Amino acid sequence: AQADVGVAMNTGTSAAKEAGNMVDLDSDPTKLIEIVEIGKQLLITR
């Protein structure tokens, strides 16, 4: 909840999914790196 980008795992608890502002359906923690790249791609494209 405190983090600017909180990625909750779909396998996690309801509390974690409610607190985050993203949910990874594959529950792959390494995907956070891809998420950052996608965010940067959005800003660069614009």
Full PDB file with SEQRES, HELIX, SHEET, SSBOND, CRYST1, ORIGX, SCALE, CONECT and MASTER records, all heavy atoms in Angstrom:
SEQRES   1 A   46  ALA GLN ALA ASP VAL GLY VAL ALA MET ASN THR GLY THR          
SEQRES   2 A   46  SER ALA ALA LYS GLU ALA GLY ASN MET VAL ASP LEU ASP          
SEQRES   3 A   46  SER ASP PRO THR LYS LEU ILE GLU ILE VAL GLU ILE GLY          
SEQRES   4 A   46  LYS GLN LEU LEU ILE THR ARG                                  
HELIX    1 AA1 SER A   14  ALA A   19  1                                   6    
HELIX    2 AA2 LYS A   31  THR A   45  1                                  15    
SHEET    1 AA1 2 VAL A   7  MET A   9  0                                        
SHEET    2 AA1 2 MET A  22  ASP A  24  1                                        
CRYST1    1.000    1.000    1.000  90.00  90.00  90.00 P 1           1          
ORIGX1      1.000000  0.000000  0.000000        0.00000                         
ORIGX2      0.000000  1.000000  0.000000        0.00000                         
ORIGX3      0.000000  0.000000  1.000000        0.00000                         
SCALE1      1.000000  0.000000  0.000000        0.00000                         
SCALE2      0.000000  1.000000  0.000000        0.00000                         
SCALE3      0.000000  0.000000  1.000000        0.00000                         
ATOM      1  N   ALA A   1       0.828  -1.209   0.000  1.00  0.00           N  
ATOM      2  CA  ALA A   1       0.000   0.000   0.000  1.00  0.00           C  
ATOM      3  C   ALA A   1       0.859   1.255   0.000  1.00  0.00           C  
ATOM      4  O   ALA A   1       0.493   2.271  -0.603  1.00  0.00           O  
ATOM      5  CB  ALA A   1      -0.930  -0.004   1.208  1.00  0.00           C  
ATOM      6  N   GLN A   2       2.011   1.214   0.656  1.00  0.00           N  
ATOM      7  CA  GLN A   2       2.882   2.372   0.745  1.00  0.00           C  
ATOM      8  C   GLN A   2       3.656   2.599  -0.549  1.00  0.00           C  
ATOM      9  O   GLN A   2       3.917   3.741  -0.936  1.00  0.00           O  
ATOM     10  CB  GLN A   2       3.878   2.190   1.905  1.00  0.00           C  
ATOM     11  CG  GLN A   2       4.848   3.342   2.096  1.00  0.00           C  
ATOM     12  CD  GLN A   2       4.154   4.615   2.553  1.00  0.00           C  
ATOM     13  OE1 GLN A   2       3.202   4.573   3.314  1.00  0.00           O  
ATOM     14  NE2 GLN A   2       4.633   5.753   2.068  1.00  0.00           N  
ATOM     15  N   ALA A   3       4.020   1.521  -1.241  1.00  0.00           N  
ATOM     16  CA  ALA A   3       4.815   1.637  -2.462  1.00  0.00           C  
ATOM     17  C   ALA A   3       4.022   2.337  -3.560  1.00  0.00           C  
ATOM     18  O   ALA A   3       2.803   2.248  -3.630  1.00  0.00           O  
ATOM     19  CB  ALA A   3       5.254   0.257  -2.931  1.00  0.00           C  
ATOM     20  N   ASP A   4       4.729   3.041  -4.429  1.00  0.00           N  
ATOM     21  CA  ASP A   4       4.080   3.718  -5.552  1.00  0.00           C  
ATOM     22  C   ASP A   4       3.546   2.697  -6.558  1.00  0.00           C  
ATOM     23  O   ASP A   4       2.521   2.906  -7.187  1.00  0.00           O  
ATOM     24  CB  ASP A   4       5.069   4.659  -6.228  1.00  0.00           C  
ATOM     25  CG  ASP A   4       5.585   5.714  -5.270  1.00  0.00           C  
ATOM     26  OD1 ASP A   4       4.850   6.668  -4.981  1.00  0.00           O  
ATOM     27  OD2 ASP A   4       6.720   5.571  -4.781  1.00  0.00           O  
ATOM     28  N   VAL A   5       4.278   1.611  -6.719  1.00  0.00           N  
ATOM     29  CA  VAL A   5       3.825   0.495  -7.554  1.00  0.00           C  
ATOM     30  C   VAL A   5       3.902  -0.762  -6.696  1.00  0.00           C  
ATOM     31  O   VAL A   5       4.987  -1.251  -6.390  1.00  0.00           O  
ATOM     32  CB  VAL A   5       4.695   0.325  -8.814  1.00  0.00           C  
ATOM     33  CG1 VAL A   5       4.215  -0.857  -9.637  1.00  0.00           C  
ATOM     34  CG2 VAL A   5       4.675   1.594  -9.651  1.00  0.00           C  
ATOM     35  N   GLY A   6       2.742  -1.270  -6.284  1.00  0.00           N  
ATOM     36  CA  GLY A   6       2.687  -2.474  -5.470  1.00  0.00           C  
ATOM     37  C   GLY A   6       2.087  -3.602  -6.280  1.00  0.00           C  
ATOM     38  O   GLY A   6       0.910  -3.554  -6.638  1.00  0.00           O  
ATOM     39  N   VAL A   7       2.896  -4.598  -6.613  1.00  0.00           N  
ATOM     40  CA  VAL A   7       2.447  -5.711  -7.441  1.00  0.00           C  
ATOM     41  C   VAL A   7       2.150  -6.904  -6.539  1.00  0.00           C  
ATOM     42  O   VAL A   7       3.061  -7.499  -5.971  1.00  0.00           O  
ATOM     43  CB  VAL A   7       3.500  -6.098  -8.498  1.00  0.00           C  
ATOM     44  CG1 VAL A   7       2.960  -7.201  -9.404  1.00  0.00           C  
ATOM     45  CG2 VAL A   7       3.894  -4.885  -9.323  1.00  0.00           C  
ATOM     46  N   ALA A   8       0.878  -7.235  -6.410  1.00  0.00           N  
ATOM     47  CA  ALA A   8       0.466  -8.366  -5.580  1.00  0.00           C  
ATOM     48  C   ALA A   8       0.376  -9.624  -6.437  1.00  0.00           C  
ATOM     49  O   ALA A   8      -0.034  -9.569  -7.598  1.00  0.00           O  
ATOM     50  CB  ALA A   8      -0.883  -8.087  -4.922  1.00  0.00           C  
ATOM     51  N   MET A   9       0.780 -10.739  -5.851  1.00  0.00           N  
ATOM     52  CA  MET A   9       0.687 -12.022  -6.551  1.00  0.00           C  
ATOM     53  C   MET A   9      -0.749 -12.550  -6.463  1.00  0.00           C  
ATOM     54  O   MET A   9      -1.388 -12.458  -5.421  1.00  0.00           O  
ATOM     55  CB  MET A   9       1.638 -13.041  -5.935  1.00  0.00           C  
ATOM     56  CG  MET A   9       3.109 -12.631  -5.932  1.00  0.00           C  
ATOM     57  SD  MET A   9       3.824 -12.491  -7.591  1.00  0.00           S  
ATOM     58  CE  MET A   9       3.825 -10.694  -7.817  1.00  0.00           C  
ATOM     59  N   ASN A  10      -1.243 -13.117  -7.556  1.00  0.00           N  
ATOM     60  CA  ASN A  10      -2.591 -13.668  -7.561  1.00  0.00           C  
ATOM     61  C   ASN A  10      -2.729 -14.840  -6.592  1.00  0.00           C  
ATOM     62  O   ASN A  10      -3.817 -15.130  -6.106  1.00  0.00           O  
ATOM     63  CB  ASN A  10      -2.965 -14.116  -8.977  1.00  0.00           C  
ATOM     64  CG  ASN A  10      -4.427 -14.474  -9.111  1.00  0.00           C  
ATOM     65  OD1 ASN A  10      -5.283 -13.796  -8.549  1.00  0.00           O  
ATOM     66  ND2 ASN A  10      -4.722 -15.538  -9.834  1.00  0.00           N  
ATOM     67  N   THR A  11      -1.608 -15.512  -6.310  1.00  0.00           N  
ATOM     68  CA  THR A  11      -1.647 -16.621  -5.354  1.00  0.00           C  
ATOM     69  C   THR A  11      -1.676 -16.129  -3.918  1.00  0.00           C  
ATOM     70  O   THR A  11      -1.853 -16.918  -2.995  1.00  0.00           O  
ATOM     71  CB  THR A  11      -0.405 -17.513  -5.521  1.00  0.00           C  
ATOM     72  OG1 THR A  11       0.773 -16.706  -5.341  1.00  0.00           O  
ATOM     73  CG2 THR A  11      -0.366 -18.158  -6.884  1.00  0.00           C  
ATOM     74  N   GLY A  12      -1.488 -14.852  -3.717  1.00  0.00           N  
ATOM     75  CA  GLY A  12      -1.371 -14.309  -2.371  1.00  0.00           C  
ATOM     76  C   GLY A  12      -2.713 -14.127  -1.683  1.00  0.00           C  
ATOM     77  O   GLY A  12      -3.773 -14.482  -2.195  1.00  0.00           O  
ATOM     78  N   THR A  13      -2.650 -13.517  -0.524  1.00  0.00           N  
ATOM     79  CA  THR A  13      -3.853 -13.307   0.274  1.00  0.00           C  
ATOM     80  C   THR A  13      -4.686 -12.163  -0.288  1.00  0.00           C  
ATOM     81  O   THR A  13      -4.198 -11.322  -1.048  1.00  0.00           O  
ATOM     82  CB  THR A  13      -3.476 -12.984   1.726  1.00  0.00           C  
ATOM     83  OG1 THR A  13      -2.695 -11.775   1.739  1.00  0.00           O  
ATOM     84  CG2 THR A  13      -2.660 -14.107   2.341  1.00  0.00           C  
ATOM     85  N   SER A  14      -5.954 -12.126   0.102  1.00  0.00           N  
ATOM     86  CA  SER A  14      -6.843 -11.039  -0.337  1.00  0.00           C  
ATOM     87  C   SER A  14      -6.322  -9.691   0.146  1.00  0.00           C  
ATOM     88  O   SER A  14      -6.443  -8.681  -0.560  1.00  0.00           O  
ATOM     89  CB  SER A  14      -8.263 -11.284   0.193  1.00  0.00           C  
ATOM     90  OG  SER A  14      -8.793 -12.475  -0.312  1.00  0.00           O  
ATOM     91  N   ALA A  15      -5.742  -9.674   1.334  1.00  0.00           N  
ATOM     92  CA  ALA A  15      -5.219  -8.416   1.875  1.00  0.00           C  
ATOM     93  C   ALA A  15      -4.126  -7.861   0.982  1.00  0.00           C  
ATOM     94  O   ALA A  15      -4.060  -6.648   0.729  1.00  0.00           O  
ATOM     95  CB  ALA A  15      -4.683  -8.644   3.289  1.00  0.00           C  
ATOM     96  N   ALA A  16      -3.248  -8.730   0.480  1.00  0.00           N  
ATOM     97  CA  ALA A  16      -2.170  -8.280  -0.399  1.00  0.00           C  
ATOM     98  C   ALA A  16      -2.720  -7.736  -1.703  1.00  0.00           C  
ATOM     99  O   ALA A  16      -2.285  -6.685  -2.195  1.00  0.00           O  
ATOM    100  CB  ALA A  16      -1.198  -9.429  -0.661  1.00  0.00           C  
ATOM    101  N   LYS A  17      -3.719  -8.434  -2.278  1.00  0.00           N  
ATOM    102  CA  LYS A  17      -4.276  -7.989  -3.558  1.00  0.00           C  
ATOM    103  C   LYS A  17      -5.051  -6.682  -3.418  1.00  0.00           C  
ATOM    104  O   LYS A  17      -5.071  -5.862  -4.336  1.00  0.00           O  
ATOM    105  CB  LYS A  17      -5.163  -9.087  -4.145  1.00  0.00           C  
ATOM    106  CG  LYS A  17      -4.366 -10.272  -4.678  1.00  0.00           C  
ATOM    107  CD  LYS A  17      -5.205 -11.222  -5.509  1.00  0.00           C  
ATOM    108  CE  LYS A  17      -6.024 -12.139  -4.666  1.00  0.00           C  
ATOM    109  NZ  LYS A  17      -6.676 -13.211  -5.448  1.00  0.00           N  
ATOM    110  N   GLU A  18      -5.688  -6.487  -2.277  1.00  0.00           N  
ATOM    111  CA  GLU A  18      -6.400  -5.230  -2.052  1.00  0.00           C  
ATOM    112  C   GLU A  18      -5.423  -4.076  -1.840  1.00  0.00           C  
ATOM    113  O   GLU A  18      -5.708  -2.932  -2.206  1.00  0.00           O  
ATOM    114  CB  GLU A  18      -7.315  -5.363  -0.833  1.00  0.00           C  
ATOM    115  CG  GLU A  18      -8.519  -6.277  -1.043  1.00  0.00           C  
ATOM    116  CD  GLU A  18      -9.500  -5.722  -2.060  1.00  0.00           C  
ATOM    117  OE1 GLU A  18      -9.531  -4.495  -2.266  1.00  0.00           O  
ATOM    118  OE2 GLU A  18     -10.241  -6.522  -2.660  1.00  0.00           O  
ATOM    119  N   ALA A  19      -4.266  -4.364  -1.250  1.00  0.00           N  
ATOM    120  CA  ALA A  19      -3.307  -3.304  -0.932  1.00  0.00           C  
ATOM    121  C   ALA A  19      -2.530  -2.845  -2.159  1.00  0.00           C  
ATOM    122  O   ALA A  19      -2.181  -1.673  -2.278  1.00  0.00           O  
ATOM    123  CB  ALA A  19      -2.333  -3.779   0.145  1.00  0.00           C  
ATOM    124  N   GLY A  20      -2.237  -3.766  -3.095  1.00  0.00           N  
ATOM    125  CA  GLY A  20      -1.442  -3.399  -4.269  1.00  0.00           C  
ATOM    126  C   GLY A  20      -2.268  -2.656  -5.296  1.00  0.00           C  
ATOM    127  O   GLY A  20      -3.494  -2.648  -5.265  1.00  0.00           O  
ATOM    128  N   ASN A  21      -1.578  -2.021  -6.252  1.00  0.00           N  
ATOM    129  CA  ASN A  21      -2.289  -1.379  -7.361  1.00  0.00           C  
ATOM    130  C   ASN A  21      -2.067  -2.116  -8.681  1.00  0.00           C  
ATOM    131  O   ASN A  21      -2.429  -1.636  -9.741  1.00  0.00           O  
ATOM    132  CB  ASN A  21      -1.905   0.101  -7.501  1.00  0.00           C  
ATOM    133  CG  ASN A  21      -0.409   0.318  -7.547  1.00  0.00           C  
ATOM    134  OD1 ASN A  21       0.357  -0.606  -7.826  1.00  0.00           O  
ATOM    135  ND2 ASN A  21       0.011   1.536  -7.261  1.00  0.00           N  
ATOM    136  N   MET A  22      -1.438  -3.294  -8.598  1.00  0.00           N  
ATOM    137  CA  MET A  22      -1.350  -4.217  -9.722  1.00  0.00           C  
ATOM    138  C   MET A  22      -1.464  -5.635  -9.174  1.00  0.00           C  
ATOM    139  O   MET A  22      -1.075  -5.901  -8.040  1.00  0.00           O  
ATOM    140  CB  MET A  22      -0.024  -4.078 -10.482  1.00  0.00           C  
ATOM    141  CG  MET A  22       0.140  -2.803 -11.274  1.00  0.00           C  
ATOM    142  SD  MET A  22       1.614  -2.867 -12.322  1.00  0.00           S  
ATOM    143  CE  MET A  22       1.630  -1.178 -12.947  1.00  0.00           C  
ATOM    144  N   VAL A  23      -1.992  -6.537 -10.008  1.00  0.00           N  
ATOM    145  CA  VAL A  23      -2.077  -7.945  -9.640  1.00  0.00           C  
ATOM    146  C   VAL A  23      -1.474  -8.763 -10.776  1.00  0.00           C  
ATOM    147  O   VAL A  23      -1.878  -8.614 -11.933  1.00  0.00           O  
ATOM    148  CB  VAL A  23      -3.530  -8.395  -9.393  1.00  0.00           C  
ATOM    149  CG1 VAL A  23      -3.580  -9.894  -9.098  1.00  0.00           C  
ATOM    150  CG2 VAL A  23      -4.149  -7.608  -8.248  1.00  0.00           C  
ATOM    151  N   ASP A  24      -0.505  -9.618 -10.442  1.00  0.00           N  
ATOM    152  CA  ASP A  24       0.112 -10.498 -11.423  1.00  0.00           C  
ATOM    153  C   ASP A  24      -0.596 -11.847 -11.371  1.00  0.00           C  
ATOM    154  O   ASP A  24      -0.486 -12.578 -10.394  1.00  0.00           O  
ATOM    155  CB  ASP A  24       1.609 -10.661 -11.114  1.00  0.00           C  
ATOM    156  CG  ASP A  24       2.274 -11.646 -12.053  1.00  0.00           C  
ATOM    157  OD1 ASP A  24       1.696 -11.909 -13.122  1.00  0.00           O  
ATOM    158  OD2 ASP A  24       3.364 -12.141 -11.719  1.00  0.00           O  
ATOM    159  N   LEU A  25      -1.348 -12.150 -12.431  1.00  0.00           N  
ATOM    160  CA  LEU A  25      -2.133 -13.380 -12.457  1.00  0.00           C  
ATOM    161  C   LEU A  25      -1.253 -14.622 -12.488  1.00  0.00           C  
ATOM    162  O   LEU A  25      -1.667 -15.702 -12.084  1.00  0.00           O  
ATOM    163  CB  LEU A  25      -3.071 -13.383 -13.667  1.00  0.00           C  
ATOM    164  CG  LEU A  25      -4.072 -12.226 -13.738  1.00  0.00           C  
ATOM    165  CD1 LEU A  25      -4.946 -12.360 -14.960  1.00  0.00           C  
ATOM    166  CD2 LEU A  25      -4.915 -12.153 -12.481  1.00  0.00           C  
ATOM    167  N   ASP A  26      -0.026 -14.489 -13.001  1.00  0.00           N  
ATOM    168  CA  ASP A  26       0.884 -15.631 -13.066  1.00  0.00           C  
ATOM    169  C   ASP A  26       1.673 -15.819 -11.781  1.00  0.00           C  
ATOM    170  O   ASP A  26       2.401 -16.800 -11.641  1.00  0.00           O  
ATOM    171  CB  ASP A  26       1.871 -15.462 -14.225  1.00  0.00           C  
ATOM    172  CG  ASP A  26       1.182 -15.482 -15.577  1.00  0.00           C  
ATOM    173  OD1 ASP A  26       0.131 -16.147 -15.683  1.00  0.00           O  
ATOM    174  OD2 ASP A  26       1.673 -14.845 -16.522  1.00  0.00           O  
ATOM    175  N   SER A  27       1.585 -14.846 -10.880  1.00  0.00           N  
ATOM    176  CA  SER A  27       2.313 -14.907  -9.603  1.00  0.00           C  
ATOM    177  C   SER A  27       3.805 -15.148  -9.827  1.00  0.00           C  
ATOM    178  O   SER A  27       4.422 -15.994  -9.183  1.00  0.00           O  
ATOM    179  CB  SER A  27       1.717 -16.008  -8.706  1.00  0.00           C  
ATOM    180  OG  SER A  27       0.374 -15.725  -8.424  1.00  0.00           O  
ATOM    181  N   ASP A  28       4.374 -14.378 -10.730  1.00  0.00           N  
ATOM    182  CA  ASP A  28       5.806 -14.470 -11.040  1.00  0.00           C  
ATOM    183  C   ASP A  28       6.484 -13.197 -10.545  1.00  0.00           C  
ATOM    184  O   ASP A  28       6.372 -12.149 -11.184  1.00  0.00           O  
ATOM    185  CB  ASP A  28       5.999 -14.631 -12.548  1.00  0.00           C  
ATOM    186  CG  ASP A  28       7.467 -14.665 -12.948  1.00  0.00           C  
ATOM    187  OD1 ASP A  28       8.326 -14.711 -12.044  1.00  0.00           O  
ATOM    188  OD2 ASP A  28       7.746 -14.655 -14.161  1.00  0.00           O  
ATOM    189  N   PRO A  29       7.201 -13.249  -9.426  1.00  0.00           N  
ATOM    190  CA  PRO A  29       7.783 -12.021  -8.863  1.00  0.00           C  
ATOM    191  C   PRO A  29       8.769 -11.321  -9.788  1.00  0.00           C  
ATOM    192  O   PRO A  29       8.938 -10.111  -9.697  1.00  0.00           O  
ATOM    193  CB  PRO A  29       8.495 -12.520  -7.592  1.00  0.00           C  
ATOM    194  CG  PRO A  29       7.829 -13.809  -7.255  1.00  0.00           C  
ATOM    195  CD  PRO A  29       7.452 -14.409  -8.565  1.00  0.00           C  
ATOM    196  N   THR A  30       9.422 -12.076 -10.687  1.00  0.00           N  
ATOM    197  CA  THR A  30      10.391 -11.441 -11.585  1.00  0.00           C  
ATOM    198  C   THR A  30       9.708 -10.533 -12.604  1.00  0.00           C  
ATOM    199  O   THR A  30      10.374  -9.742 -13.269  1.00  0.00           O  
ATOM    200  CB  THR A  30      11.216 -12.497 -12.340  1.00  0.00           C  
ATOM    201  OG1 THR A  30      10.340 -13.313 -13.119  1.00  0.00           O  
ATOM    202  CG2 THR A  30      11.980 -13.388 -11.373  1.00  0.00           C  
ATOM    203  N   LYS A  31       8.392 -10.640 -12.727  1.00  0.00           N  
ATOM    204  CA  LYS A  31       7.683  -9.835 -13.717  1.00  0.00           C  
ATOM    205  C   LYS A  31       7.706  -8.344 -13.369  1.00  0.00           C  
ATOM    206  O   LYS A  31       7.412  -7.502 -14.215  1.00  0.00           O  
ATOM    207  CB  LYS A  31       6.243 -10.323 -13.859  1.00  0.00           C  
ATOM    208  CG  LYS A  31       5.606  -9.951 -15.189  1.00  0.00           C  
ATOM    209  CD  LYS A  31       4.205 -10.504 -15.302  1.00  0.00           C  
ATOM    210  CE  LYS A  31       4.229 -11.996 -15.501  1.00  0.00           C  
ATOM    211  NZ  LYS A  31       2.871 -12.551 -15.696  1.00  0.00           N  
ATOM    212  N   LEU A  32       8.079  -8.020 -12.143  1.00  0.00           N  
ATOM    213  CA  LEU A  32       8.174  -6.611 -11.753  1.00  0.00           C  
ATOM    214  C   LEU A  32       9.126  -5.864 -12.674  1.00  0.00           C  
ATOM    215  O   LEU A  32       8.899  -4.692 -13.015  1.00  0.00           O  
ATOM    216  CB  LEU A  32       8.644  -6.506 -10.297  1.00  0.00           C  
ATOM    217  CG  LEU A  32       8.821  -5.094  -9.736  1.00  0.00           C  
ATOM    218  CD1 LEU A  32       7.523  -4.315  -9.811  1.00  0.00           C  
ATOM    219  CD2 LEU A  32       9.314  -5.159  -8.295  1.00  0.00           C  
ATOM    220  N   ILE A  33      10.185  -6.529 -13.107  1.00  0.00           N  
ATOM    221  CA  ILE A  33      11.142  -5.894 -14.013  1.00  0.00           C  
ATOM    222  C   ILE A  33      10.470  -5.595 -15.349  1.00  0.00           C  
ATOM    223  O   ILE A  33      10.655  -4.511 -15.922  1.00  0.00           O  
ATOM    224  CB  ILE A  33      12.377  -6.795 -14.200  1.00  0.00           C  
ATOM    225  CG1 ILE A  33      13.063  -7.023 -12.847  1.00  0.00           C  
ATOM    226  CG2 ILE A  33      13.354  -6.188 -15.196  1.00  0.00           C  
ATOM    227  CD1 ILE A  33      14.213  -8.012 -12.882  1.00  0.00           C  
ATOM    228  N   GLU A  34       9.652  -6.529 -15.849  1.00  0.00           N  
ATOM    229  CA  GLU A  34       8.924  -6.284 -17.097  1.00  0.00           C  
ATOM    230  C   GLU A  34       7.930  -5.151 -16.941  1.00  0.00           C  
ATOM    231  O   GLU A  34       7.733  -4.352 -17.865  1.00  0.00           O  
ATOM    232  CB  GLU A  34       8.181  -7.551 -17.530  1.00  0.00           C  
ATOM    233  CG  GLU A  34       9.061  -8.688 -17.989  1.00  0.00           C  
ATOM    234  CD  GLU A  34       8.233  -9.861 -18.471  1.00  0.00           C  
ATOM    235  OE1 GLU A  34       7.349  -9.657 -19.334  1.00  0.00           O  
ATOM    236  OE2 GLU A  34       8.447 -10.977 -17.978  1.00  0.00           O  
ATOM    237  N   ILE A  35       7.286  -5.071 -15.793  1.00  0.00           N  
ATOM    238  CA  ILE A  35       6.300  -4.018 -15.549  1.00  0.00           C  
ATOM    239  C   ILE A  35       6.959  -2.643 -15.634  1.00  0.00           C  
ATOM    240  O   ILE A  35       6.409  -1.709 -16.220  1.00  0.00           O  
ATOM    241  CB  ILE A  35       5.633  -4.226 -14.179  1.00  0.00           C  
ATOM    242  CG1 ILE A  35       4.747  -5.479 -14.211  1.00  0.00           C  
ATOM    243  CG2 ILE A  35       4.814  -3.010 -13.768  1.00  0.00           C  
ATOM    244  CD1 ILE A  35       4.223  -5.897 -12.857  1.00  0.00           C  
ATOM    245  N   VAL A  36       8.146  -2.525 -15.056  1.00  0.00           N  
ATOM    246  CA  VAL A  36       8.879  -1.260 -15.132  1.00  0.00           C  
ATOM    247  C   VAL A  36       9.200  -0.922 -16.582  1.00  0.00           C  
ATOM    248  O   VAL A  36       9.054   0.228 -17.021  1.00  0.00           O  
ATOM    249  CB  VAL A  36      10.165  -1.339 -14.290  1.00  0.00           C  
ATOM    250  CG1 VAL A  36      11.048  -0.129 -14.535  1.00  0.00           C  
ATOM    251  CG2 VAL A  36       9.824  -1.438 -12.809  1.00  0.00           C  
ATOM    252  N   GLU A  37       9.610  -1.929 -17.352  1.00  0.00           N  
ATOM    253  CA  GLU A  37       9.947  -1.681 -18.755  1.00  0.00           C  
ATOM    254  C   GLU A  37       8.716  -1.245 -19.550  1.00  0.00           C  
ATOM    255  O   GLU A  37       8.793  -0.375 -20.413  1.00  0.00           O  
ATOM    256  CB  GLU A  37      10.566  -2.939 -19.361  1.00  0.00           C  
ATOM    257  CG  GLU A  37      11.951  -3.251 -18.793  1.00  0.00           C  
ATOM    258  CD  GLU A  37      12.509  -4.562 -19.321  1.00  0.00           C  
ATOM    259  OE1 GLU A  37      11.740  -5.322 -19.948  1.00  0.00           O  
ATOM    260  OE2 GLU A  37      13.702  -4.834 -19.090  1.00  0.00           O  
ATOM    261  N   ILE A  38       7.554  -1.848 -19.256  1.00  0.00           N  
ATOM    262  CA  ILE A  38       6.319  -1.473 -19.948  1.00  0.00           C  
ATOM    263  C   ILE A  38       5.931  -0.037 -19.589  1.00  0.00           C  
ATOM    264  O   ILE A  38       5.496   0.740 -20.442  1.00  0.00           O  
ATOM    265  CB  ILE A  38       5.187  -2.453 -19.594  1.00  0.00           C  
ATOM    266  CG1 ILE A  38       5.461  -3.821 -20.221  1.00  0.00           C  
ATOM    267  CG2 ILE A  38       3.831  -1.927 -20.063  1.00  0.00           C  
ATOM    268  CD1 ILE A  38       4.511  -4.902 -19.777  1.00  0.00           C  
ATOM    269  N   GLY A  39       6.084   0.322 -18.314  1.00  0.00           N  
ATOM    270  CA  GLY A  39       5.796   1.693 -17.902  1.00  0.00           C  
ATOM    271  C   GLY A  39       6.687   2.696 -18.601  1.00  0.00           C  
ATOM    272  O   GLY A  39       6.231   3.753 -19.058  1.00  0.00           O  
ATOM    273  N   LYS A  40       7.962   2.365 -18.695  1.00  0.00           N  
ATOM    274  CA  LYS A  40       8.885   3.267 -19.389  1.00  0.00           C  
ATOM    275  C   LYS A  40       8.560   3.331 -20.874  1.00  0.00           C  
ATOM    276  O   LYS A  40       8.667   4.395 -21.503  1.00  0.00           O  
ATOM    277  CB  LYS A  40      10.328   2.803 -19.175  1.00  0.00           C  
ATOM    278  CG  LYS A  40      10.848   3.078 -17.770  1.00  0.00           C  
ATOM    279  CD  LYS A  40      12.323   2.806 -17.652  1.00  0.00           C  
ATOM    280  CE  LYS A  40      12.829   3.221 -16.277  1.00  0.00           C  
ATOM    281  NZ  LYS A  40      12.738   4.672 -16.041  1.00  0.00           N  
ATOM    282  N   GLN A  41       8.159   2.201 -21.442  1.00  0.00           N  
ATOM    283  CA  GLN A  41       7.789   2.186 -22.850  1.00  0.00           C  
ATOM    284  C   GLN A  41       6.589   3.098 -23.107  1.00  0.00           C  
ATOM    285  O   GLN A  41       6.546   3.805 -24.118  1.00  0.00           O  
ATOM    286  CB  GLN A  41       7.464   0.757 -23.288  1.00  0.00           C  
ATOM    287  CG  GLN A  41       7.194   0.624 -24.777  1.00  0.00           C  
ATOM    288  CD  GLN A  41       6.824  -0.787 -25.161  1.00  0.00           C  
ATOM    289  OE1 GLN A  41       6.202  -1.511 -24.392  1.00  0.00           O  
ATOM    290  NE2 GLN A  41       7.203  -1.201 -26.357  1.00  0.00           N  
ATOM    291  N   LEU A  42       5.635   3.107 -22.186  1.00  0.00           N  
ATOM    292  CA  LEU A  42       4.473   3.989 -22.321  1.00  0.00           C  
ATOM    293  C   LEU A  42       4.905   5.449 -22.344  1.00  0.00           C  
ATOM    294  O   LEU A  42       4.485   6.227 -23.212  1.00  0.00           O  
ATOM    295  CB  LEU A  42       3.505   3.742 -21.165  1.00  0.00           C  
ATOM    296  CG  LEU A  42       2.359   4.751 -20.994  1.00  0.00           C  
ATOM    297  CD1 LEU A  42       1.427   4.704 -22.191  1.00  0.00           C  
ATOM    298  CD2 LEU A  42       1.595   4.496 -19.719  1.00  0.00           C  
ATOM    299  N   LEU A  43       5.750   5.842 -21.391  1.00  0.00           N  
ATOM    300  CA  LEU A  43       6.194   7.234 -21.319  1.00  0.00           C  
ATOM    301  C   LEU A  43       7.026   7.619 -22.539  1.00  0.00           C  
ATOM    302  O   LEU A  43       6.886   8.721 -23.082  1.00  0.00           O  
ATOM    303  CB  LEU A  43       7.006   7.450 -20.042  1.00  0.00           C  
ATOM    304  CG  LEU A  43       6.254   7.216 -18.722  1.00  0.00           C  
ATOM    305  CD1 LEU A  43       7.185   7.437 -17.536  1.00  0.00           C  
ATOM    306  CD2 LEU A  43       5.051   8.136 -18.616  1.00  0.00           C  
ATOM    307  N   ILE A  44       7.890   6.689 -22.987  1.00  0.00           N  
ATOM    308  CA  ILE A  44       8.743   6.982 -24.143  1.00  0.00           C  
ATOM    309  C   ILE A  44       7.901   7.096 -25.412  1.00  0.00           C  
ATOM    310  O   ILE A  44       8.145   7.976 -26.251  1.00  0.00           O  
ATOM    311  CB  ILE A  44       9.814   5.882 -24.295  1.00  0.00           C  
ATOM    312  CG1 ILE A  44      10.812   5.973 -23.148  1.00  0.00           C  
ATOM    313  CG2 ILE A  44      10.546   6.002 -25.620  1.00  0.00           C  
ATOM    314  CD1 ILE A  44      11.744   4.804 -23.066  1.00  0.00           C  
ATOM    315  N   THR A  45       6.907   6.229 -25.549  1.00  0.00           N  
ATOM    316  CA  THR A  45       6.037   6.288 -26.729  1.00  0.00           C  
ATOM    317  C   THR A  45       5.306   7.620 -26.789  1.00  0.00           C  
ATOM    318  O   THR A  45       5.233   8.255 -27.848  1.00  0.00           O  
ATOM    319  CB  THR A  45       5.019   5.133 -26.697  1.00  0.00           C  
ATOM    320  OG1 THR A  45       5.719   3.886 -26.646  1.00  0.00           O  
ATOM    321  CG2 THR A  45       4.126   5.162 -27.922  1.00  0.00           C  
ATOM    322  N   ARG A  46       4.796   8.043 -25.661  1.00  0.00           N  
ATOM    323  CA  ARG A  46       4.077   9.317 -25.620  1.00  0.00           C  
ATOM    324  C   ARG A  46       5.019  10.476 -25.957  1.00  0.00           C  
ATOM    325  O   ARG A  46       4.677  11.374 -26.735  1.00  0.00           O  
ATOM    326  CB  ARG A  46       3.466   9.517 -24.237  1.00  0.00           C  
ATOM    327  CG  ARG A  46       2.588  10.752 -24.135  1.00  0.00           C  
ATOM    328  CD  ARG A  46       2.077  10.901 -22.715  1.00  0.00           C  
ATOM    329  NE  ARG A  46       1.208   9.780 -22.362  1.00  0.00           N  
ATOM    330  CZ  ARG A  46       0.968   9.402 -21.111  1.00  0.00           C  
ATOM    331  NH1 ARG A  46       1.554  10.021 -20.111  1.00  0.00           N  
ATOM    332  NH2 ARG A  46       0.156   8.402 -20.871  1.00  0.00           N  
TER     333      ARG A  46                                                      
MASTER        0    0    0    2    2    0    0    6  332    1    0    4          
END                                                                             
